N, C-alpha and C. Protein backbone atom coordinates (compact mmCIF):
# COMPACT_ATOMS: atom_id res chain seq x y z
N UNK A 1 93.00 89.11 125.12
CA UNK A 1 92.80 88.59 126.46
C UNK A 1 92.57 89.76 127.42
N UNK A 2 91.39 89.85 128.04
CA UNK A 2 91.15 90.87 129.05
C UNK A 2 91.73 90.41 130.38
N UNK A 3 92.42 91.32 131.08
CA UNK A 3 93.03 90.95 132.36
C UNK A 3 92.75 92.04 133.39
N UNK A 4 92.75 91.62 134.64
CA UNK A 4 92.61 92.54 135.77
C UNK A 4 93.18 91.85 137.01
N UNK A 5 94.28 92.37 137.51
CA UNK A 5 94.91 91.84 138.72
C UNK A 5 95.17 90.33 138.61
N UNK A 6 95.85 89.95 137.56
CA UNK A 6 96.15 88.54 137.30
C UNK A 6 97.63 88.22 137.49
N UNK A 7 98.33 89.00 138.30
CA UNK A 7 99.78 88.83 138.44
C UNK A 7 100.16 87.42 138.91
N UNK A 8 99.34 86.82 139.74
CA UNK A 8 99.67 85.51 140.30
C UNK A 8 99.84 84.46 139.20
N UNK A 9 99.02 84.52 138.18
CA UNK A 9 99.06 83.45 137.19
C UNK A 9 99.28 83.88 135.76
N UNK A 10 99.48 85.17 135.50
CA UNK A 10 99.51 85.62 134.11
C UNK A 10 100.68 85.05 133.32
N UNK A 11 101.85 84.93 133.92
CA UNK A 11 103.00 84.37 133.18
C UNK A 11 102.74 82.92 132.83
N UNK A 12 102.15 82.16 133.75
CA UNK A 12 101.84 80.76 133.49
C UNK A 12 100.78 80.64 132.39
N UNK A 13 99.82 81.57 132.35
CA UNK A 13 98.79 81.56 131.32
C UNK A 13 99.37 81.87 129.94
N UNK A 14 100.27 82.83 129.88
CA UNK A 14 100.80 83.28 128.59
C UNK A 14 101.91 82.40 128.04
N UNK A 15 102.57 81.62 128.89
CA UNK A 15 103.70 80.81 128.42
C UNK A 15 103.34 79.88 127.27
N UNK A 16 102.24 79.11 127.33
CA UNK A 16 101.93 78.21 126.21
C UNK A 16 101.59 78.96 124.92
N UNK A 17 101.18 80.22 125.02
CA UNK A 17 100.79 80.98 123.84
C UNK A 17 101.99 81.52 123.06
N UNK A 18 103.18 81.38 123.62
CA UNK A 18 104.36 81.84 122.89
C UNK A 18 104.59 81.01 121.63
N UNK A 19 104.20 79.75 121.66
CA UNK A 19 104.31 78.91 120.46
C UNK A 19 103.38 79.42 119.36
N UNK A 20 102.22 79.92 119.73
CA UNK A 20 101.29 80.50 118.77
C UNK A 20 101.89 81.76 118.14
N UNK A 21 102.54 82.57 118.98
CA UNK A 21 103.15 83.80 118.47
C UNK A 21 104.25 83.49 117.45
N UNK A 22 104.99 82.42 117.70
CA UNK A 22 106.10 82.08 116.81
C UNK A 22 105.64 81.68 115.42
N UNK A 23 104.39 81.27 115.29
CA UNK A 23 103.88 80.89 113.97
C UNK A 23 102.91 81.94 113.41
N UNK A 24 102.94 83.13 114.01
CA UNK A 24 102.21 84.24 113.40
C UNK A 24 100.98 84.74 114.11
N UNK A 25 100.55 84.10 115.19
CA UNK A 25 99.39 84.60 115.92
C UNK A 25 99.77 85.88 116.67
N UNK A 26 98.85 86.82 116.75
CA UNK A 26 99.07 88.08 117.43
C UNK A 26 98.37 88.02 118.79
N UNK A 27 99.12 88.28 119.85
CA UNK A 27 98.57 88.21 121.20
C UNK A 27 98.44 89.62 121.76
N UNK A 28 97.20 90.04 122.00
CA UNK A 28 96.91 91.37 122.52
C UNK A 28 96.34 91.23 123.93
N UNK A 29 96.99 91.85 124.90
CA UNK A 29 96.53 91.86 126.28
C UNK A 29 95.88 93.21 126.56
N UNK A 30 94.69 93.18 127.16
CA UNK A 30 93.97 94.42 127.47
C UNK A 30 93.76 94.49 128.98
N UNK A 31 94.46 95.41 129.60
CA UNK A 31 94.38 95.55 131.05
C UNK A 31 93.28 96.54 131.43
N UNK A 32 92.51 96.15 132.44
CA UNK A 32 91.39 96.98 132.88
C UNK A 32 91.70 97.82 134.10
N UNK A 33 92.99 98.06 134.37
CA UNK A 33 93.36 98.89 135.51
C UNK A 33 93.91 98.10 136.68
N UNK A 34 94.76 97.14 136.40
CA UNK A 34 95.31 96.29 137.45
C UNK A 34 96.11 97.11 138.46
N UNK A 35 95.98 96.70 139.73
CA UNK A 35 96.72 97.35 140.80
C UNK A 35 97.94 96.54 141.23
N UNK A 36 98.17 95.42 140.56
CA UNK A 36 99.31 94.58 140.90
C UNK A 36 100.33 94.61 139.74
N UNK A 37 101.13 93.58 139.59
CA UNK A 37 102.20 93.57 138.58
C UNK A 37 101.77 92.92 137.26
N UNK A 38 100.48 92.85 137.00
CA UNK A 38 100.00 92.19 135.79
C UNK A 38 100.64 92.77 134.54
N UNK A 39 100.63 94.06 134.38
CA UNK A 39 101.17 94.69 133.17
C UNK A 39 102.67 94.41 133.02
N UNK A 40 103.40 94.53 134.11
CA UNK A 40 104.85 94.30 134.07
C UNK A 40 105.18 92.88 133.65
N UNK A 41 104.42 91.91 134.16
CA UNK A 41 104.70 90.52 133.85
C UNK A 41 104.22 90.12 132.46
N UNK A 42 103.13 90.74 132.00
CA UNK A 42 102.55 90.36 130.71
C UNK A 42 103.27 90.99 129.53
N UNK A 43 103.83 92.18 129.71
CA UNK A 43 104.40 92.94 128.59
C UNK A 43 105.40 92.16 127.75
N UNK A 44 106.35 91.41 128.34
CA UNK A 44 107.31 90.69 127.50
C UNK A 44 106.72 89.47 126.79
N UNK A 45 105.52 89.09 127.15
CA UNK A 45 104.94 87.84 126.66
C UNK A 45 103.78 88.06 125.69
N UNK A 46 103.63 89.29 125.18
CA UNK A 46 102.55 89.56 124.24
C UNK A 46 103.06 90.50 123.15
N UNK A 47 102.26 90.65 122.10
CA UNK A 47 102.64 91.55 121.01
C UNK A 47 102.23 92.99 121.30
N UNK A 48 101.10 93.14 121.97
CA UNK A 48 100.65 94.47 122.35
C UNK A 48 99.99 94.40 123.71
N UNK A 49 100.23 95.41 124.54
CA UNK A 49 99.57 95.52 125.83
C UNK A 49 98.95 96.91 125.88
N UNK A 50 97.62 96.94 125.98
CA UNK A 50 96.92 98.22 126.01
C UNK A 50 96.03 98.28 127.24
N UNK A 51 95.50 99.45 127.51
CA UNK A 51 94.56 99.62 128.62
C UNK A 51 93.20 100.01 128.07
N UNK A 52 92.17 99.70 128.84
CA UNK A 52 90.80 100.03 128.45
C UNK A 52 89.98 100.15 129.73
N UNK A 53 88.83 100.78 129.67
CA UNK A 53 87.96 100.83 130.84
C UNK A 53 87.65 99.43 131.35
N UNK A 54 87.57 99.29 132.64
CA UNK A 54 87.35 97.98 133.25
C UNK A 54 86.02 97.38 132.80
N UNK A 55 86.06 96.10 132.51
CA UNK A 55 84.88 95.37 132.04
C UNK A 55 85.24 94.55 130.83
N UNK A 56 84.87 93.28 130.83
CA UNK A 56 85.30 92.40 129.75
C UNK A 56 84.84 92.87 128.38
N UNK A 57 83.61 93.36 128.27
CA UNK A 57 83.12 93.81 126.96
C UNK A 57 83.98 94.94 126.43
N UNK A 58 84.21 95.96 127.24
CA UNK A 58 85.01 97.11 126.81
C UNK A 58 86.44 96.69 126.50
N UNK A 59 87.00 95.82 127.35
CA UNK A 59 88.38 95.39 127.14
C UNK A 59 88.53 94.55 125.87
N UNK A 60 87.59 93.64 125.64
CA UNK A 60 87.70 92.78 124.46
C UNK A 60 87.44 93.56 123.18
N UNK A 61 86.52 94.52 123.21
CA UNK A 61 86.32 95.37 122.04
C UNK A 61 87.58 96.18 121.73
N UNK A 62 88.22 96.69 122.78
CA UNK A 62 89.46 97.45 122.58
C UNK A 62 90.55 96.56 122.00
N UNK A 63 90.64 95.32 122.48
CA UNK A 63 91.63 94.40 121.95
C UNK A 63 91.39 94.06 120.50
N UNK A 64 90.13 93.86 120.14
CA UNK A 64 89.80 93.57 118.75
C UNK A 64 90.19 94.74 117.85
N UNK A 65 89.91 95.96 118.31
CA UNK A 65 90.23 97.14 117.52
C UNK A 65 91.73 97.32 117.35
N UNK A 66 92.50 96.90 118.35
CA UNK A 66 93.96 97.07 118.30
C UNK A 66 94.66 95.95 117.55
N UNK A 67 93.95 94.89 117.23
CA UNK A 67 94.56 93.74 116.57
C UNK A 67 94.45 93.84 115.06
N UNK A 68 95.12 92.93 114.36
CA UNK A 68 95.13 92.97 112.90
C UNK A 68 94.65 91.68 112.25
N UNK A 69 94.39 90.66 113.05
CA UNK A 69 94.07 89.35 112.50
C UNK A 69 92.71 89.27 111.84
N UNK A 70 92.58 88.30 110.94
CA UNK A 70 91.31 88.05 110.26
C UNK A 70 90.34 87.31 111.16
N UNK A 71 90.87 86.47 112.05
CA UNK A 71 90.05 85.72 112.99
C UNK A 71 90.39 86.18 114.40
N UNK A 72 89.37 86.52 115.17
CA UNK A 72 89.54 86.99 116.54
C UNK A 72 89.20 85.86 117.50
N UNK A 73 90.07 85.63 118.46
CA UNK A 73 89.84 84.63 119.51
C UNK A 73 89.88 85.36 120.85
N UNK A 74 88.79 85.29 121.60
CA UNK A 74 88.70 85.96 122.89
C UNK A 74 88.93 84.92 123.99
N UNK A 75 90.05 85.08 124.69
CA UNK A 75 90.49 84.09 125.65
C UNK A 75 90.58 84.70 127.03
N UNK A 76 89.89 84.11 128.00
CA UNK A 76 89.97 84.59 129.37
C UNK A 76 91.31 84.20 129.98
N UNK A 77 91.72 84.96 131.00
CA UNK A 77 93.03 84.74 131.60
C UNK A 77 93.12 83.43 132.37
N UNK A 78 92.00 82.82 132.69
CA UNK A 78 92.03 81.54 133.41
C UNK A 78 91.66 80.37 132.50
N UNK A 79 91.77 80.58 131.19
CA UNK A 79 91.43 79.54 130.21
C UNK A 79 92.66 79.23 129.36
N UNK A 80 92.91 77.96 129.13
CA UNK A 80 94.06 77.54 128.31
C UNK A 80 93.59 76.72 127.11
N UNK A 81 94.32 76.84 126.02
CA UNK A 81 93.99 76.17 124.76
C UNK A 81 94.81 74.90 124.60
N UNK A 82 94.22 73.84 124.05
CA UNK A 82 95.01 72.65 123.72
C UNK A 82 95.84 72.90 122.48
N UNK A 83 96.95 72.18 122.28
CA UNK A 83 97.81 72.41 121.11
C UNK A 83 97.08 72.24 119.78
N UNK A 84 96.07 71.37 119.75
CA UNK A 84 95.38 71.09 118.49
C UNK A 84 94.44 72.22 118.06
N UNK A 85 94.24 73.20 118.93
CA UNK A 85 93.26 74.25 118.65
C UNK A 85 93.62 75.08 117.42
N UNK A 86 94.90 75.32 117.20
CA UNK A 86 95.31 76.21 116.11
C UNK A 86 94.87 75.68 114.75
N UNK A 87 95.03 74.39 114.51
CA UNK A 87 94.64 73.83 113.22
C UNK A 87 93.13 73.95 113.00
N UNK A 88 92.35 73.74 114.04
CA UNK A 88 90.91 73.87 113.91
C UNK A 88 90.50 75.31 113.65
N UNK A 89 91.15 76.25 114.33
CA UNK A 89 90.83 77.66 114.11
C UNK A 89 91.19 78.09 112.69
N UNK A 90 92.32 77.60 112.19
CA UNK A 90 92.72 77.93 110.83
C UNK A 90 91.69 77.42 109.83
N UNK A 91 91.15 76.23 110.09
CA UNK A 91 90.13 75.68 109.19
C UNK A 91 88.86 76.51 109.25
N UNK A 92 88.47 76.90 110.46
CA UNK A 92 87.25 77.71 110.61
C UNK A 92 87.42 79.08 109.98
N UNK A 93 88.63 79.62 110.01
CA UNK A 93 88.89 80.97 109.50
C UNK A 93 88.72 81.06 107.99
N UNK A 94 88.63 79.93 107.32
CA UNK A 94 88.48 79.97 105.86
C UNK A 94 87.11 80.47 105.45
N UNK A 95 86.15 80.39 106.36
CA UNK A 95 84.83 80.93 106.06
C UNK A 95 84.82 82.44 106.12
N UNK A 96 84.03 83.07 105.24
CA UNK A 96 84.01 84.53 105.19
C UNK A 96 83.38 85.11 106.45
N UNK A 97 82.31 84.51 106.91
CA UNK A 97 81.62 84.98 108.11
C UNK A 97 81.31 83.76 108.97
N UNK A 98 82.13 83.55 109.96
CA UNK A 98 81.96 82.37 110.79
C UNK A 98 82.31 82.69 112.23
N UNK A 99 81.79 81.89 113.14
CA UNK A 99 82.12 82.06 114.56
C UNK A 99 81.88 80.73 115.26
N UNK A 100 82.34 80.64 116.51
CA UNK A 100 82.15 79.40 117.24
C UNK A 100 82.80 79.45 118.61
N UNK A 101 82.90 78.28 119.19
CA UNK A 101 83.50 78.14 120.51
C UNK A 101 83.94 76.70 120.70
N UNK A 102 84.73 76.44 121.73
CA UNK A 102 85.20 75.11 122.08
C UNK A 102 84.32 74.53 123.18
N UNK A 103 84.34 73.22 123.30
CA UNK A 103 83.85 72.62 124.53
C UNK A 103 84.80 73.00 125.66
N UNK A 104 84.34 72.89 126.89
CA UNK A 104 85.14 73.32 128.03
C UNK A 104 85.29 72.20 129.04
N UNK A 105 86.44 72.18 129.68
CA UNK A 105 86.69 71.31 130.82
C UNK A 105 87.04 72.21 132.00
N UNK A 106 86.44 71.95 133.15
CA UNK A 106 86.70 72.75 134.34
C UNK A 106 87.78 72.08 135.18
N UNK A 107 88.83 72.82 135.46
CA UNK A 107 89.96 72.30 136.21
C UNK A 107 89.73 72.54 137.70
N UNK A 108 89.76 71.47 138.49
CA UNK A 108 89.57 71.60 139.92
C UNK A 108 89.34 70.25 140.55
N UNK A 109 89.26 70.25 141.88
CA UNK A 109 89.17 68.99 142.60
C UNK A 109 87.74 68.54 142.86
N UNK A 110 86.79 69.43 142.78
CA UNK A 110 85.42 69.06 143.14
C UNK A 110 84.86 68.05 142.15
N UNK A 111 84.25 66.97 142.63
CA UNK A 111 83.77 65.91 141.73
C UNK A 111 82.62 66.34 140.83
N UNK A 112 81.97 67.45 141.15
CA UNK A 112 80.82 67.87 140.35
C UNK A 112 81.23 68.75 139.16
N UNK A 113 82.50 69.19 139.11
CA UNK A 113 82.93 70.08 138.03
C UNK A 113 82.78 69.45 136.64
N UNK A 114 83.11 68.16 136.45
CA UNK A 114 82.89 67.57 135.12
C UNK A 114 81.42 67.59 134.70
N UNK A 115 80.52 67.45 135.66
CA UNK A 115 79.09 67.49 135.34
C UNK A 115 78.70 68.90 134.89
N UNK A 116 79.21 69.92 135.60
CA UNK A 116 78.92 71.30 135.22
C UNK A 116 79.41 71.58 133.81
N UNK A 117 80.63 71.14 133.51
CA UNK A 117 81.19 71.37 132.18
C UNK A 117 80.36 70.67 131.10
N UNK A 118 79.96 69.45 131.37
CA UNK A 118 79.15 68.71 130.39
C UNK A 118 77.83 69.43 130.12
N UNK A 119 77.22 69.95 131.17
CA UNK A 119 75.95 70.67 131.01
C UNK A 119 76.16 71.98 130.25
N UNK A 120 77.27 72.67 130.52
CA UNK A 120 77.58 73.89 129.79
C UNK A 120 77.72 73.62 128.30
N UNK A 121 78.45 72.55 127.97
CA UNK A 121 78.67 72.21 126.57
C UNK A 121 77.37 71.79 125.89
N UNK A 122 76.55 71.03 126.58
CA UNK A 122 75.27 70.58 126.02
C UNK A 122 74.35 71.76 125.79
N UNK A 123 74.25 72.64 126.79
CA UNK A 123 73.36 73.80 126.67
C UNK A 123 73.79 74.69 125.52
N UNK A 124 75.11 74.89 125.39
CA UNK A 124 75.61 75.73 124.31
C UNK A 124 75.31 75.13 122.94
N UNK A 125 75.45 73.83 122.84
CA UNK A 125 75.21 73.16 121.56
C UNK A 125 73.73 73.26 121.17
N UNK A 126 72.84 73.16 122.15
CA UNK A 126 71.40 73.20 121.88
C UNK A 126 70.93 74.63 121.56
N UNK A 127 71.43 75.60 122.32
CA UNK A 127 70.93 76.98 122.19
C UNK A 127 71.71 77.84 121.21
N UNK A 128 72.90 77.37 120.78
CA UNK A 128 73.78 78.17 119.92
C UNK A 128 74.22 79.45 120.63
N UNK A 129 74.38 79.36 121.95
CA UNK A 129 74.87 80.47 122.76
C UNK A 129 76.16 80.03 123.43
N UNK A 130 77.20 80.83 123.31
CA UNK A 130 78.50 80.50 123.88
C UNK A 130 78.79 81.38 125.08
N UNK A 131 79.61 80.88 125.99
CA UNK A 131 80.08 81.69 127.10
C UNK A 131 81.57 81.97 126.93
N UNK A 132 82.05 83.00 127.60
CA UNK A 132 83.45 83.37 127.48
C UNK A 132 84.39 82.27 127.91
N UNK A 133 83.97 81.43 128.84
CA UNK A 133 84.81 80.32 129.29
C UNK A 133 85.11 79.33 128.17
N UNK A 134 84.32 79.37 127.09
CA UNK A 134 84.49 78.43 125.99
C UNK A 134 85.36 78.97 124.86
N UNK A 135 86.02 80.11 125.08
CA UNK A 135 86.94 80.69 124.10
C UNK A 135 86.23 80.98 122.77
N UNK A 136 85.44 82.02 122.75
CA UNK A 136 84.69 82.40 121.56
C UNK A 136 85.64 82.90 120.48
N UNK A 137 85.40 82.48 119.24
CA UNK A 137 86.16 83.00 118.10
C UNK A 137 85.19 83.45 117.02
N UNK A 138 85.60 84.46 116.24
CA UNK A 138 84.72 85.02 115.22
C UNK A 138 85.57 85.76 114.19
N UNK A 139 85.18 85.69 112.93
CA UNK A 139 85.90 86.44 111.92
C UNK A 139 85.69 87.94 112.15
N UNK A 140 86.73 88.70 111.85
CA UNK A 140 86.67 90.14 112.10
C UNK A 140 85.50 90.81 111.36
N UNK A 141 85.29 90.43 110.11
CA UNK A 141 84.23 91.08 109.35
C UNK A 141 82.87 90.89 110.01
N UNK A 142 82.60 89.69 110.50
CA UNK A 142 81.32 89.42 111.15
C UNK A 142 81.24 90.15 112.49
N UNK A 143 82.32 90.12 113.25
CA UNK A 143 82.35 90.77 114.56
C UNK A 143 82.09 92.27 114.42
N UNK A 144 82.76 92.91 113.48
CA UNK A 144 82.60 94.34 113.31
C UNK A 144 81.24 94.69 112.74
N UNK A 145 80.74 93.89 111.82
CA UNK A 145 79.44 94.18 111.24
C UNK A 145 78.31 94.09 112.26
N UNK A 146 78.46 93.18 113.23
CA UNK A 146 77.44 93.02 114.25
C UNK A 146 77.67 93.91 115.47
N UNK A 147 78.68 94.77 115.41
CA UNK A 147 78.87 95.77 116.45
C UNK A 147 79.71 95.34 117.63
N UNK A 148 80.37 94.19 117.55
CA UNK A 148 81.21 93.73 118.64
C UNK A 148 80.41 93.36 119.87
N UNK A 149 81.10 93.29 121.01
CA UNK A 149 80.41 92.98 122.26
C UNK A 149 79.55 94.16 122.68
N UNK A 150 78.30 93.92 123.05
CA UNK A 150 77.48 95.02 123.56
C UNK A 150 78.11 95.59 124.82
N UNK A 151 77.96 96.89 125.08
CA UNK A 151 78.61 97.53 126.23
C UNK A 151 77.91 97.20 127.55
N UNK A 152 78.04 95.94 127.95
CA UNK A 152 77.39 95.44 129.17
C UNK A 152 78.45 95.07 130.20
N UNK A 153 78.11 95.15 131.47
CA UNK A 153 79.00 94.75 132.55
C UNK A 153 78.89 93.26 132.85
N UNK A 154 77.88 92.61 132.31
CA UNK A 154 77.65 91.18 132.53
C UNK A 154 76.84 90.66 131.36
N UNK A 155 76.97 89.39 131.04
CA UNK A 155 76.22 88.75 129.97
C UNK A 155 76.63 89.22 128.57
N UNK A 156 77.80 89.85 128.45
CA UNK A 156 78.23 90.32 127.14
C UNK A 156 78.45 89.17 126.16
N UNK A 157 78.88 88.00 126.68
CA UNK A 157 79.11 86.86 125.80
C UNK A 157 77.79 86.30 125.27
N UNK A 158 76.78 86.26 126.13
CA UNK A 158 75.47 85.78 125.71
C UNK A 158 74.84 86.73 124.70
N UNK A 159 74.95 88.03 124.97
CA UNK A 159 74.39 89.02 124.06
C UNK A 159 75.05 88.96 122.69
N UNK A 160 76.38 88.80 122.66
CA UNK A 160 77.06 88.67 121.37
C UNK A 160 76.63 87.41 120.64
N UNK A 161 76.53 86.30 121.37
CA UNK A 161 76.12 85.04 120.75
C UNK A 161 74.75 85.17 120.09
N UNK A 162 73.84 85.87 120.75
CA UNK A 162 72.49 86.01 120.19
C UNK A 162 72.50 86.85 118.92
N UNK A 163 73.42 87.83 118.87
CA UNK A 163 73.56 88.59 117.63
C UNK A 163 74.11 87.72 116.52
N UNK A 164 75.17 86.97 116.84
CA UNK A 164 75.86 86.19 115.81
C UNK A 164 75.03 85.02 115.30
N UNK A 165 74.25 84.41 116.18
CA UNK A 165 73.48 83.24 115.73
C UNK A 165 72.36 83.62 114.77
N UNK A 166 72.02 84.90 114.70
CA UNK A 166 71.05 85.33 113.69
C UNK A 166 71.65 85.21 112.29
N UNK A 167 72.98 85.27 112.22
CA UNK A 167 73.66 85.15 110.93
C UNK A 167 73.88 83.68 110.58
N UNK A 168 74.42 82.94 111.55
CA UNK A 168 74.62 81.51 111.35
C UNK A 168 74.87 80.86 112.69
N UNK A 169 74.63 79.55 112.75
CA UNK A 169 74.91 78.82 113.98
C UNK A 169 76.42 78.69 114.18
N UNK A 170 76.86 78.59 115.41
CA UNK A 170 78.30 78.53 115.67
C UNK A 170 78.90 77.18 115.37
N UNK A 171 80.21 77.16 115.14
CA UNK A 171 80.97 75.93 115.17
C UNK A 171 81.11 75.52 116.64
N UNK A 172 80.53 74.42 117.01
CA UNK A 172 80.64 73.93 118.39
C UNK A 172 81.71 72.84 118.41
N UNK A 173 82.95 73.27 118.58
CA UNK A 173 84.07 72.35 118.51
C UNK A 173 84.12 71.46 119.75
N UNK A 174 84.28 70.18 119.55
CA UNK A 174 84.32 69.25 120.68
C UNK A 174 85.68 69.21 121.37
N UNK A 175 86.69 69.75 120.73
CA UNK A 175 87.98 69.89 121.39
C UNK A 175 87.81 70.79 122.61
N UNK A 176 88.42 70.42 123.73
CA UNK A 176 88.16 71.12 124.99
C UNK A 176 89.26 72.09 125.37
N UNK A 177 88.84 73.30 125.71
CA UNK A 177 89.73 74.22 126.41
C UNK A 177 89.57 73.94 127.90
N UNK A 178 90.56 74.34 128.69
CA UNK A 178 90.53 74.11 130.13
C UNK A 178 90.37 75.45 130.85
N UNK A 179 89.32 75.55 131.64
CA UNK A 179 89.04 76.77 132.41
C UNK A 179 89.11 76.45 133.89
N UNK A 180 89.67 77.35 134.65
CA UNK A 180 89.77 77.16 136.09
C UNK A 180 88.40 77.03 136.73
N UNK A 181 88.28 76.09 137.65
CA UNK A 181 87.04 75.91 138.39
C UNK A 181 87.00 76.71 139.68
N UNK A 182 87.91 77.68 139.83
CA UNK A 182 88.01 78.41 141.10
C UNK A 182 86.74 79.17 141.44
N UNK A 183 86.04 79.67 140.43
CA UNK A 183 84.81 80.42 140.71
C UNK A 183 83.80 79.55 141.42
N UNK A 184 83.69 78.30 140.98
CA UNK A 184 82.73 77.39 141.61
C UNK A 184 83.23 76.91 142.97
N UNK A 185 84.50 76.60 143.05
CA UNK A 185 85.03 76.07 144.30
C UNK A 185 85.08 77.12 145.40
N UNK A 186 85.44 78.34 145.06
CA UNK A 186 85.52 79.38 146.08
C UNK A 186 84.15 79.84 146.54
N UNK A 187 83.21 79.91 145.63
CA UNK A 187 81.87 80.38 145.99
C UNK A 187 80.94 79.27 146.45
N UNK A 188 81.40 78.02 146.36
CA UNK A 188 80.52 76.90 146.66
C UNK A 188 79.84 76.45 145.38
N UNK A 189 80.01 75.18 145.01
CA UNK A 189 79.55 74.71 143.71
C UNK A 189 78.05 74.88 143.53
N UNK A 190 77.26 74.38 144.45
CA UNK A 190 75.81 74.47 144.30
C UNK A 190 75.34 75.92 144.37
N UNK A 191 75.94 76.69 145.26
CA UNK A 191 75.55 78.09 145.39
C UNK A 191 75.86 78.86 144.11
N UNK A 192 77.01 78.59 143.51
CA UNK A 192 77.39 79.29 142.29
C UNK A 192 76.50 78.89 141.12
N UNK A 193 76.17 77.61 141.03
CA UNK A 193 75.24 77.16 139.97
C UNK A 193 73.91 77.88 140.10
N UNK A 194 73.38 77.93 141.31
CA UNK A 194 72.09 78.60 141.54
C UNK A 194 72.19 80.08 141.19
N UNK A 195 73.29 80.71 141.60
CA UNK A 195 73.47 82.13 141.31
C UNK A 195 73.48 82.39 139.82
N UNK A 196 74.22 81.58 139.06
CA UNK A 196 74.32 81.79 137.62
C UNK A 196 72.99 81.56 136.92
N UNK A 197 72.23 80.58 137.37
CA UNK A 197 70.93 80.34 136.77
C UNK A 197 69.95 81.47 137.08
N UNK A 198 70.01 82.01 138.29
CA UNK A 198 69.16 83.16 138.64
C UNK A 198 69.51 84.35 137.76
N UNK A 199 70.81 84.60 137.58
CA UNK A 199 71.22 85.71 136.74
C UNK A 199 70.76 85.53 135.30
N UNK A 200 70.92 84.32 134.77
CA UNK A 200 70.51 84.07 133.39
C UNK A 200 69.00 84.22 133.22
N UNK A 201 68.25 83.72 134.19
CA UNK A 201 66.80 83.84 134.12
C UNK A 201 66.37 85.31 134.18
N UNK A 202 66.99 86.06 135.08
CA UNK A 202 66.66 87.48 135.20
C UNK A 202 66.98 88.22 133.90
N UNK A 203 68.13 87.88 133.29
CA UNK A 203 68.49 88.51 132.02
C UNK A 203 67.51 88.13 130.92
N UNK A 204 67.09 86.87 130.93
CA UNK A 204 66.15 86.38 129.91
C UNK A 204 64.82 87.12 129.98
N UNK A 205 64.36 87.45 131.19
CA UNK A 205 63.06 88.11 131.33
C UNK A 205 63.18 89.63 131.24
N UNK A 206 64.41 90.14 130.99
CA UNK A 206 64.53 91.54 130.68
C UNK A 206 65.17 92.44 131.72
N UNK A 207 65.71 91.87 132.80
CA UNK A 207 66.40 92.70 133.79
C UNK A 207 67.69 93.24 133.18
N UNK A 208 67.94 94.53 133.40
CA UNK A 208 69.11 95.19 132.84
C UNK A 208 70.40 94.51 133.26
N UNK A 209 71.29 94.24 132.29
CA UNK A 209 72.52 93.51 132.57
C UNK A 209 73.45 94.26 133.52
N UNK A 210 73.50 95.58 133.43
CA UNK A 210 74.36 96.35 134.33
C UNK A 210 73.83 96.28 135.76
N UNK A 211 72.52 96.27 135.91
CA UNK A 211 71.93 96.09 137.24
C UNK A 211 72.27 94.73 137.80
N UNK A 212 72.23 93.71 136.96
CA UNK A 212 72.61 92.36 137.40
C UNK A 212 74.07 92.30 137.79
N UNK A 213 74.91 93.03 137.06
CA UNK A 213 76.34 93.05 137.38
C UNK A 213 76.58 93.64 138.76
N UNK A 214 75.88 94.71 139.10
CA UNK A 214 76.03 95.32 140.43
C UNK A 214 75.59 94.35 141.52
N UNK A 215 74.50 93.64 141.27
CA UNK A 215 74.00 92.68 142.25
C UNK A 215 74.96 91.49 142.39
N UNK A 216 75.51 91.06 141.26
CA UNK A 216 76.46 89.94 141.26
C UNK A 216 77.69 90.28 142.08
N UNK A 217 78.22 91.51 141.92
CA UNK A 217 79.39 91.91 142.70
C UNK A 217 79.07 91.96 144.20
N UNK A 218 77.89 92.39 144.55
CA UNK A 218 77.50 92.45 145.96
C UNK A 218 77.39 91.05 146.55
N UNK A 219 76.80 90.14 145.79
CA UNK A 219 76.62 88.76 146.28
C UNK A 219 77.96 88.07 146.43
N UNK A 220 78.87 88.27 145.49
CA UNK A 220 80.17 87.62 145.55
C UNK A 220 81.02 88.20 146.67
């Protein structure tokens, strides 16, 4: 789990994962340089807490390298797993080289969030491209052979998906993880949708992902 300044909600995020730890799952937190109490609050609730250069790709690669599991699950700090997820992941892990993601539900009050989530799930199923909000999982052997997350400041999840789908299509699990809708609600739902589509289109036509990341930070 990559984190950065998540003190407000990190304990609440990690609490349900303690049941996973009790049955053998390894929880690795990768801090990107938090200036708040994230590390202090997370340390008692994980198996390992390490630091890495800021950026989800760098942090998640560092977490994968520090972990020991056969199946890697990359979980954002604002995403929660349903209890049934563990059994499905165990079944998927039986494959030698496999990867996938969950369907997503966006948590929030805006009436358009369910529509956004449905479109995200449909697009992912059609294109075989997953986003980080959907809790990407992949066997270690496949992840390492394909070089892990590309060293990008943005679109690292899409870039990894495109690498992995050359090997095989993902497991598109219909079980839903819950991701916070705060990004859409705080930035304005329609404005955020337009922004994300512009970024994806620019990336598709070849605009450098790090350049897009700088522009994204300025716009936000």
